[in-house]
Amino acid sequence: MSDAPTDTPDAAARVQYGVLPYREADGVQVLLVTSRETKRWIIPKGWPMKDRSPAAAAAQEALEEAGVTGVAEDQPLGSYGYMKKRKDGSFVPCEVTVFPMRVDEVHEHWLEEGQRSREWFSLADAALAVGEGELKALILDFGWSRRA
């Protein structure tokens, strides 16, 4: 089997938890961050954390990677797959469960501010900015669910 990336991870995908930070300002806006290496627009996400629920782990990633706090909802929006590039150049399949989180506070300084940028996007612009097709769909579906 090749180590080249594919669109969707297989059944042996590693689990990650992510958050879709949002606010209501001129409609619903979502906060995206850049990845460390490629500077692509992504959502805050990371590995499961001992003694934290999936939603709480996702909220912790939002604090560390984007400098925002809020309470992630317990009900996920869904999930998406991607291929994570390792330091050795190989790829590992990951499946990210995504939780919505209304942002209560945006911190001026945060743990990874020197490694990442953050920016608020309209739902449509956020869907265009991210590279993963399943994540695009989750963002757009989230927008439709908030209009109902």
Protein backbone atom coordinates (compact mmCIF):
# COMPACT_ATOMS: atom_id res chain seq x y z
CA MET A 1 0.00 0.00 0.00
CA SER A 2 1.27 3.47 -0.88
CA ASP A 3 1.81 6.24 1.67
CA ALA A 4 0.28 8.75 -0.73
CA PRO A 5 -2.75 10.64 0.60
CA THR A 6 -6.26 9.67 -0.40
CA ASP A 7 -9.52 11.55 -0.03
CA THR A 8 -11.00 9.41 2.74
CA PRO A 9 -9.34 7.46 5.54
CA ASP A 10 -9.94 3.73 5.82
CA ALA A 11 -11.53 1.79 8.68
CA ALA A 12 -8.28 1.89 10.71
CA ALA A 13 -8.39 5.68 10.96
CA ARG A 14 -7.09 7.34 14.11
CA VAL A 15 -9.68 9.29 16.07
CA GLN A 16 -9.42 13.04 16.56
CA TYR A 17 -11.85 15.62 17.94
CA GLY A 18 -12.36 19.04 16.42
CA VAL A 19 -14.43 22.10 17.04
CA LEU A 20 -16.22 24.48 14.72
CA PRO A 21 -15.99 27.77 16.64
CA TYR A 22 -18.80 30.16 15.67
CA ARG A 23 -20.34 33.51 16.51
CA GLU A 24 -23.36 35.43 15.33
CA ALA A 25 -22.19 38.67 13.73
CA ASP A 26 -23.76 39.67 10.42
CA GLY A 27 -25.08 36.13 10.25
CA VAL A 28 -23.18 33.11 11.47
CA GLN A 29 -19.39 33.26 11.16
CA VAL A 30 -16.88 30.48 11.87
CA LEU A 31 -13.28 30.76 13.00
CA LEU A 32 -10.62 28.87 11.09
CA VAL A 33 -6.92 28.51 11.89
CA THR A 34 -3.96 27.72 9.69
CA SER A 35 -2.14 24.42 9.93
CA ARG A 36 1.41 24.61 11.25
CA GLU A 37 3.22 23.21 8.23
CA THR A 38 1.27 24.05 5.09
CA LYS A 39 -0.71 27.05 6.38
CA ARG A 40 -3.95 25.59 4.98
CA TRP A 41 -7.19 26.75 6.62
CA ILE A 42 -8.48 24.10 9.04
CA ILE A 43 -10.53 23.79 12.22
CA PRO A 44 -8.91 23.35 15.65
CA LYS A 45 -8.55 19.61 16.30
CA GLY A 46 -6.46 17.10 18.18
CA TRP A 47 -6.16 13.72 19.83
CA PRO A 48 -8.42 12.34 22.58
CA MET A 49 -7.50 13.50 26.09
CA LYS A 50 -7.58 11.33 29.18
CA ASP A 51 -10.33 12.34 31.62
CA ARG A 52 -12.02 14.68 29.08
CA SER A 53 -15.12 14.07 27.03
CA PRO A 54 -14.73 14.34 23.26
CA ALA A 55 -16.48 17.75 23.28
CA ALA A 56 -14.27 19.02 26.13
CA ALA A 57 -11.13 17.81 24.33
CA ALA A 58 -12.26 19.67 21.22
CA ALA A 59 -12.87 22.85 23.25
CA GLN A 60 -9.35 22.56 24.71
CA GLU A 61 -7.93 22.40 21.18
CA ALA A 62 -9.85 25.60 20.34
CA LEU A 63 -8.18 27.34 23.27
CA GLU A 64 -4.68 26.13 22.38
CA GLU A 65 -4.82 26.47 18.59
CA ALA A 66 -7.21 29.42 18.13
CA GLY A 67 -7.24 31.24 21.47
CA VAL A 68 -11.00 31.06 21.90
CA THR A 69 -13.16 29.75 24.71
CA GLY A 70 -16.72 28.55 24.89
CA VAL A 71 -18.58 25.34 25.62
CA ALA A 72 -18.61 22.79 22.83
CA GLU A 73 -22.00 21.18 22.32
CA ASP A 74 -22.22 17.49 23.28
CA GLN A 75 -23.90 16.55 20.00
CA PRO A 76 -21.38 16.45 17.12
CA LEU A 77 -22.13 17.96 13.72
CA GLY A 78 -20.65 14.87 12.09
CA SER A 79 -17.18 13.80 11.08
CA TYR A 80 -14.72 14.04 8.22
CA GLY A 81 -11.64 12.15 7.17
CA TYR A 82 -8.23 13.36 6.11
CA MET A 83 -4.70 12.07 5.74
CA LYS A 84 -2.31 13.50 8.34
CA LYS A 85 1.28 13.83 7.22
CA ARG A 86 3.80 12.57 9.75
CA LYS A 87 7.23 14.08 10.35
CA ASP A 88 8.82 11.14 8.49
CA GLY A 89 6.79 11.98 5.37
CA SER A 90 4.35 9.08 5.68
CA PHE A 91 0.61 9.56 6.07
CA VAL A 92 -1.85 8.29 8.67
CA PRO A 93 -5.63 8.27 8.15
CA CYS A 94 -7.62 10.30 10.69
CA GLU A 95 -11.34 10.63 11.33
CA VAL A 96 -12.31 13.90 13.05
CA THR A 97 -15.56 14.19 15.00
CA VAL A 98 -16.60 17.86 14.91
CA PHE A 99 -18.48 19.68 17.68
CA PRO A 100 -19.98 23.17 17.30
CA MET A 101 -18.84 25.71 19.89
CA ARG A 102 -20.30 29.17 20.36
CA VAL A 103 -17.34 31.43 21.14
CA ASP A 104 -17.70 33.31 24.42
CA GLU A 105 -14.26 34.94 24.47
CA VAL A 106 -11.47 35.63 21.99
CA HIS A 107 -8.10 35.88 23.77
CA GLU A 108 -5.54 38.39 22.54
CA HIS A 109 -2.71 35.90 23.14
CA TRP A 110 -2.84 32.11 23.02
CA LEU A 111 -0.54 29.10 23.17
CA GLU A 112 0.00 28.58 19.42
CA GLU A 113 -0.32 32.18 18.20
CA GLY A 114 3.23 32.18 16.86
CA GLN A 115 2.54 29.01 14.86
CA ARG A 116 -0.95 29.67 13.47
CA SER A 117 -3.13 32.47 12.17
CA ARG A 118 -6.85 32.71 12.86
CA GLU A 119 -9.61 34.42 10.93
CA TRP A 120 -13.40 34.72 11.02
CA PHE A 121 -15.18 33.61 7.83
CA SER A 122 -18.73 33.64 6.60
CA LEU A 123 -20.06 30.10 6.23
CA ALA A 124 -19.72 30.19 2.45
CA ASP A 125 -16.18 31.58 2.57
CA ALA A 126 -15.14 29.05 5.23
CA ALA A 127 -16.44 26.20 3.08
CA LEU A 128 -14.38 27.54 0.17
CA ALA A 129 -11.27 28.00 2.35
CA VAL A 130 -10.99 24.45 3.74
CA GLY A 131 -9.61 21.69 1.57
CA GLU A 132 -11.48 18.61 2.81
CA GLY A 133 -14.76 17.99 0.97
CA GLU A 134 -16.48 16.41 3.96
CA LEU A 135 -15.51 19.39 6.15
CA LYS A 136 -16.89 21.78 3.53
CA ALA A 137 -20.21 19.90 3.70
CA LEU A 138 -20.26 19.99 7.53
CA ILE A 139 -19.73 23.76 7.52
CA LEU A 140 -22.53 24.33 5.01
CA ASP A 141 -24.86 21.89 6.82
CA PHE A 142 -24.14 23.74 10.06
CA GLY A 143 -25.22 26.97 8.39
CA TRP A 144 -28.49 25.44 7.24
CA SER A 145 -29.18 24.02 10.72
CA ARG A 146 -28.71 27.47 12.29
CA ARG A 147 -31.17 29.09 9.87
CA ALA A 148 -33.98 26.67 10.73
